[in-house]
Each structure stands twice: as structure tokens, then as C-alpha cells.
C-alpha atoms as a PDB file:
ATOM      1  CA  MET A   1      -6.956   8.940 -17.654  1.00  0.00           C
ATOM      2  CA  SER A   2      -5.699   5.517 -16.707  1.00  0.00           C
ATOM      3  CA  LYS A   3      -2.218   4.134 -17.275  1.00  0.00           C
ATOM      4  CA  VAL A   4      -2.415   1.519 -20.039  1.00  0.00           C
ATOM      5  CA  VAL A   5       0.422  -0.813 -21.027  1.00  0.00           C
ATOM      6  CA  LEU A   6       0.296  -3.463 -23.754  1.00  0.00           C
ATOM      7  CA  TYR A   7       2.835  -6.181 -24.450  1.00  0.00           C
ATOM      8  CA  THR A   8       2.595  -7.079 -28.124  1.00  0.00           C
ATOM      9  CA  LYS A   9       4.360  -8.814 -30.992  1.00  0.00           C
ATOM     10  CA  GLY A  10       4.617  -7.204 -34.406  1.00  0.00           C
ATOM     11  CA  TYR A  11       3.082 -10.082 -36.353  1.00  0.00           C
ATOM     12  CA  CYS A  12       0.096 -10.599 -34.032  1.00  0.00           C
ATOM     13  CA  PRO A  13      -3.345  -9.737 -35.485  1.00  0.00           C
ATOM     14  CA  TYR A  14      -4.903  -9.774 -32.003  1.00  0.00           C
ATOM     15  CA  CYS A  15      -2.361  -7.183 -30.892  1.00  0.00           C
ATOM     16  CA  ARG A  16      -3.328  -4.976 -33.818  1.00  0.00           C
ATOM     17  CA  ARG A  17      -7.037  -5.322 -32.928  1.00  0.00           C
ATOM     18  CA  ALA A  18      -6.377  -4.380 -29.294  1.00  0.00           C
ATOM     19  CA  VAL A  19      -4.274  -1.365 -30.335  1.00  0.00           C
ATOM     20  CA  ALA A  20      -6.967  -0.276 -32.814  1.00  0.00           C
ATOM     21  CA  LEU A  21      -9.661  -0.402 -30.125  1.00  0.00           C
ATOM     22  CA  LEU A  22      -7.616   1.721 -27.740  1.00  0.00           C
ATOM     23  CA  GLU A  23      -6.663   4.168 -30.485  1.00  0.00           C
ATOM     24  CA  SER A  24     -10.331   4.494 -31.512  1.00  0.00           C
ATOM     25  CA  LYS A  25     -11.063   5.639 -27.953  1.00  0.00           C
ATOM     26  CA  GLY A  26      -8.202   8.151 -28.009  1.00  0.00           C
ATOM     27  CA  VAL A  27      -6.368   6.325 -25.231  1.00  0.00           C
ATOM     28  CA  VAL A  28      -2.716   7.140 -24.640  1.00  0.00           C
ATOM     29  CA  PHE A  29      -0.896   3.877 -23.953  1.00  0.00           C
ATOM     30  CA  THR A  30       2.536   2.345 -23.821  1.00  0.00           C
ATOM     31  CA  ASN A  31       3.100  -0.435 -26.332  1.00  0.00           C
ATOM     32  CA  ILE A  32       6.000  -2.719 -25.447  1.00  0.00           C
ATOM     33  CA  ASP A  33       6.924  -4.840 -28.458  1.00  0.00           C
ATOM     34  CA  VAL A  34       8.328  -8.162 -27.248  1.00  0.00           C
ATOM     35  CA  THR A  35       8.714  -9.720 -30.700  1.00  0.00           C
ATOM     36  CA  ASN A  36      12.469 -10.044 -30.255  1.00  0.00           C
ATOM     37  CA  ASP A  37      12.686  -9.474 -26.506  1.00  0.00           C
ATOM     38  CA  VAL A  38      12.565 -12.926 -24.924  1.00  0.00           C
ATOM     39  CA  LYS A  39      13.679 -11.660 -21.520  1.00  0.00           C
ATOM     40  CA  THR A  40      10.851  -9.119 -21.177  1.00  0.00           C
ATOM     41  CA  PHE A  41       8.271 -11.535 -22.584  1.00  0.00           C
ATOM     42  CA  SER A  42       9.387 -14.258 -20.160  1.00  0.00           C
ATOM     43  CA  ALA A  43       9.155 -11.842 -17.232  1.00  0.00           C
ATOM     44  CA  ILE A  44       5.656 -10.641 -18.101  1.00  0.00           C
ATOM     45  CA  SER A  45       4.503 -14.204 -18.828  1.00  0.00           C
ATOM     46  CA  ALA A  46       5.748 -15.273 -15.395  1.00  0.00           C
ATOM     47  CA  ARG A  47       3.762 -12.419 -13.852  1.00  0.00           C
ATOM     48  CA  THR A  48       0.493 -13.217 -15.655  1.00  0.00           C
ATOM     49  CA  GLY A  49       0.762 -16.946 -16.313  1.00  0.00           C
ATOM     50  CA  TRP A  50       0.002 -16.281 -19.989  1.00  0.00           C
ATOM     51  CA  ASP A  51       2.223 -17.247 -22.908  1.00  0.00           C
ATOM     52  CA  THR A  52       0.269 -15.301 -25.536  1.00  0.00           C
ATOM     53  CA  VAL A  53      -0.026 -11.667 -26.596  1.00  0.00           C
ATOM     54  CA  PRO A  54      -1.372  -9.117 -26.281  1.00  0.00           C
ATOM     55  CA  GLN A  55      -1.148  -8.815 -22.541  1.00  0.00           C
ATOM     56  CA  ILE A  56      -2.921  -5.676 -21.395  1.00  0.00           C
ATOM     57  CA  PHE A  57      -2.597  -3.828 -18.110  1.00  0.00           C
ATOM     58  CA  ILE A  58      -4.751  -0.946 -16.937  1.00  0.00           C
ATOM     59  CA  ASN A  59      -3.422   0.864 -13.881  1.00  0.00           C
ATOM     60  CA  ASP A  60      -0.970  -2.002 -13.322  1.00  0.00           C
ATOM     61  CA  GLU A  61      -3.833  -4.532 -13.194  1.00  0.00           C
ATOM     62  CA  PHE A  62      -3.741  -7.348 -15.753  1.00  0.00           C
ATOM     63  CA  VAL A  63      -7.049  -7.277 -17.638  1.00  0.00           C
ATOM     64  CA  GLY A  64      -6.240  -9.960 -20.215  1.00  0.00           C
ATOM     65  CA  GLY A  65      -5.880  -9.872 -23.957  1.00  0.00           C
ATOM     66  CA  CYS A  66      -7.664  -8.690 -27.065  1.00  0.00           C
ATOM     67  CA  ASP A  67     -10.877 -10.666 -26.586  1.00  0.00           C
ATOM     68  CA  ASP A  68     -10.999  -9.578 -22.951  1.00  0.00           C
ATOM     69  CA  ILE A  69     -10.869  -5.844 -23.635  1.00  0.00           C
ATOM     70  CA  HIS A  70     -13.376  -6.180 -26.472  1.00  0.00           C
ATOM     71  CA  GLU A  71     -15.700  -8.009 -24.067  1.00  0.00           C
ATOM     72  CA  LEU A  72     -15.212  -5.272 -21.453  1.00  0.00           C
ATOM     73  CA  ASP A  73     -16.077  -2.743 -24.165  1.00  0.00           C
ATOM     74  CA  ARG A  74     -19.229  -4.652 -25.172  1.00  0.00           C
ATOM     75  CA  LYS A  75     -20.318  -4.715 -21.526  1.00  0.00           C
ATOM     76  CA  GLY A  76     -19.701  -0.975 -21.182  1.00  0.00           C
ATOM     77  CA  GLN A  77     -16.967  -1.501 -18.579  1.00  0.00           C
ATOM     78  CA  LEU A  78     -13.855  -0.576 -20.564  1.00  0.00           C
ATOM     79  CA  ASP A  79     -14.444   3.179 -20.617  1.00  0.00           C
ATOM     80  CA  LYS A  80     -14.797   3.217 -16.843  1.00  0.00           C
ATOM     81  CA  LEU A  81     -11.523   1.299 -16.426  1.00  0.00           C
ATOM     82  CA  LEU A  82      -9.835   3.683 -18.844  1.00  0.00           C
ATOM     83  CA  GLY A  83     -11.141   6.730 -17.009  1.00  0.00           C
ATOM     84  CA  LEU A  84     -13.060   8.010 -20.043  1.00  0.00           C
END
């Protein structure tokens, strides 16, 4: 199975949707809550160029956010990336 890391904020509905999708697939992932962690959020934003959450990485590759992984799922590509 692939290594999956999400950067989320507690109040974010898109973060909850992304987490729910991964959980529905039985994916084990690391969720890094940056709600009150400006330093980590700034570092990951500098890496991706994004200032929104969630920011999702699969095998250390940035795949985007909530809409992006749902689109990958609709296209049948997410399971392959996840190693399912």
C-alpha cells in the first residue's frame, strides 16, 4: 500500500471529505493537522505553492486537494495510486 500524508485543518469541510474518501477505501494515512501550526503549514505551502487545505501526498508526490482526489477516484486512477 502507498504512503499517504494529508495536511488538514480541523474546521475544513474539504479536509473531512478527503479523509472520509480515504477511510472508505480502508487506506492507512498520516493526517497532519496544521490548524494551529503556522510553521508546518508555511513549509508545506512553500513546497506546493498552495495556501489551502487539504494538501494530499501519495508516495511523497503532491496530488492536490479534496476535489483532485475525488476526480482521480471518478476516473478510476486513485486506487492504482493507492496501491489497492
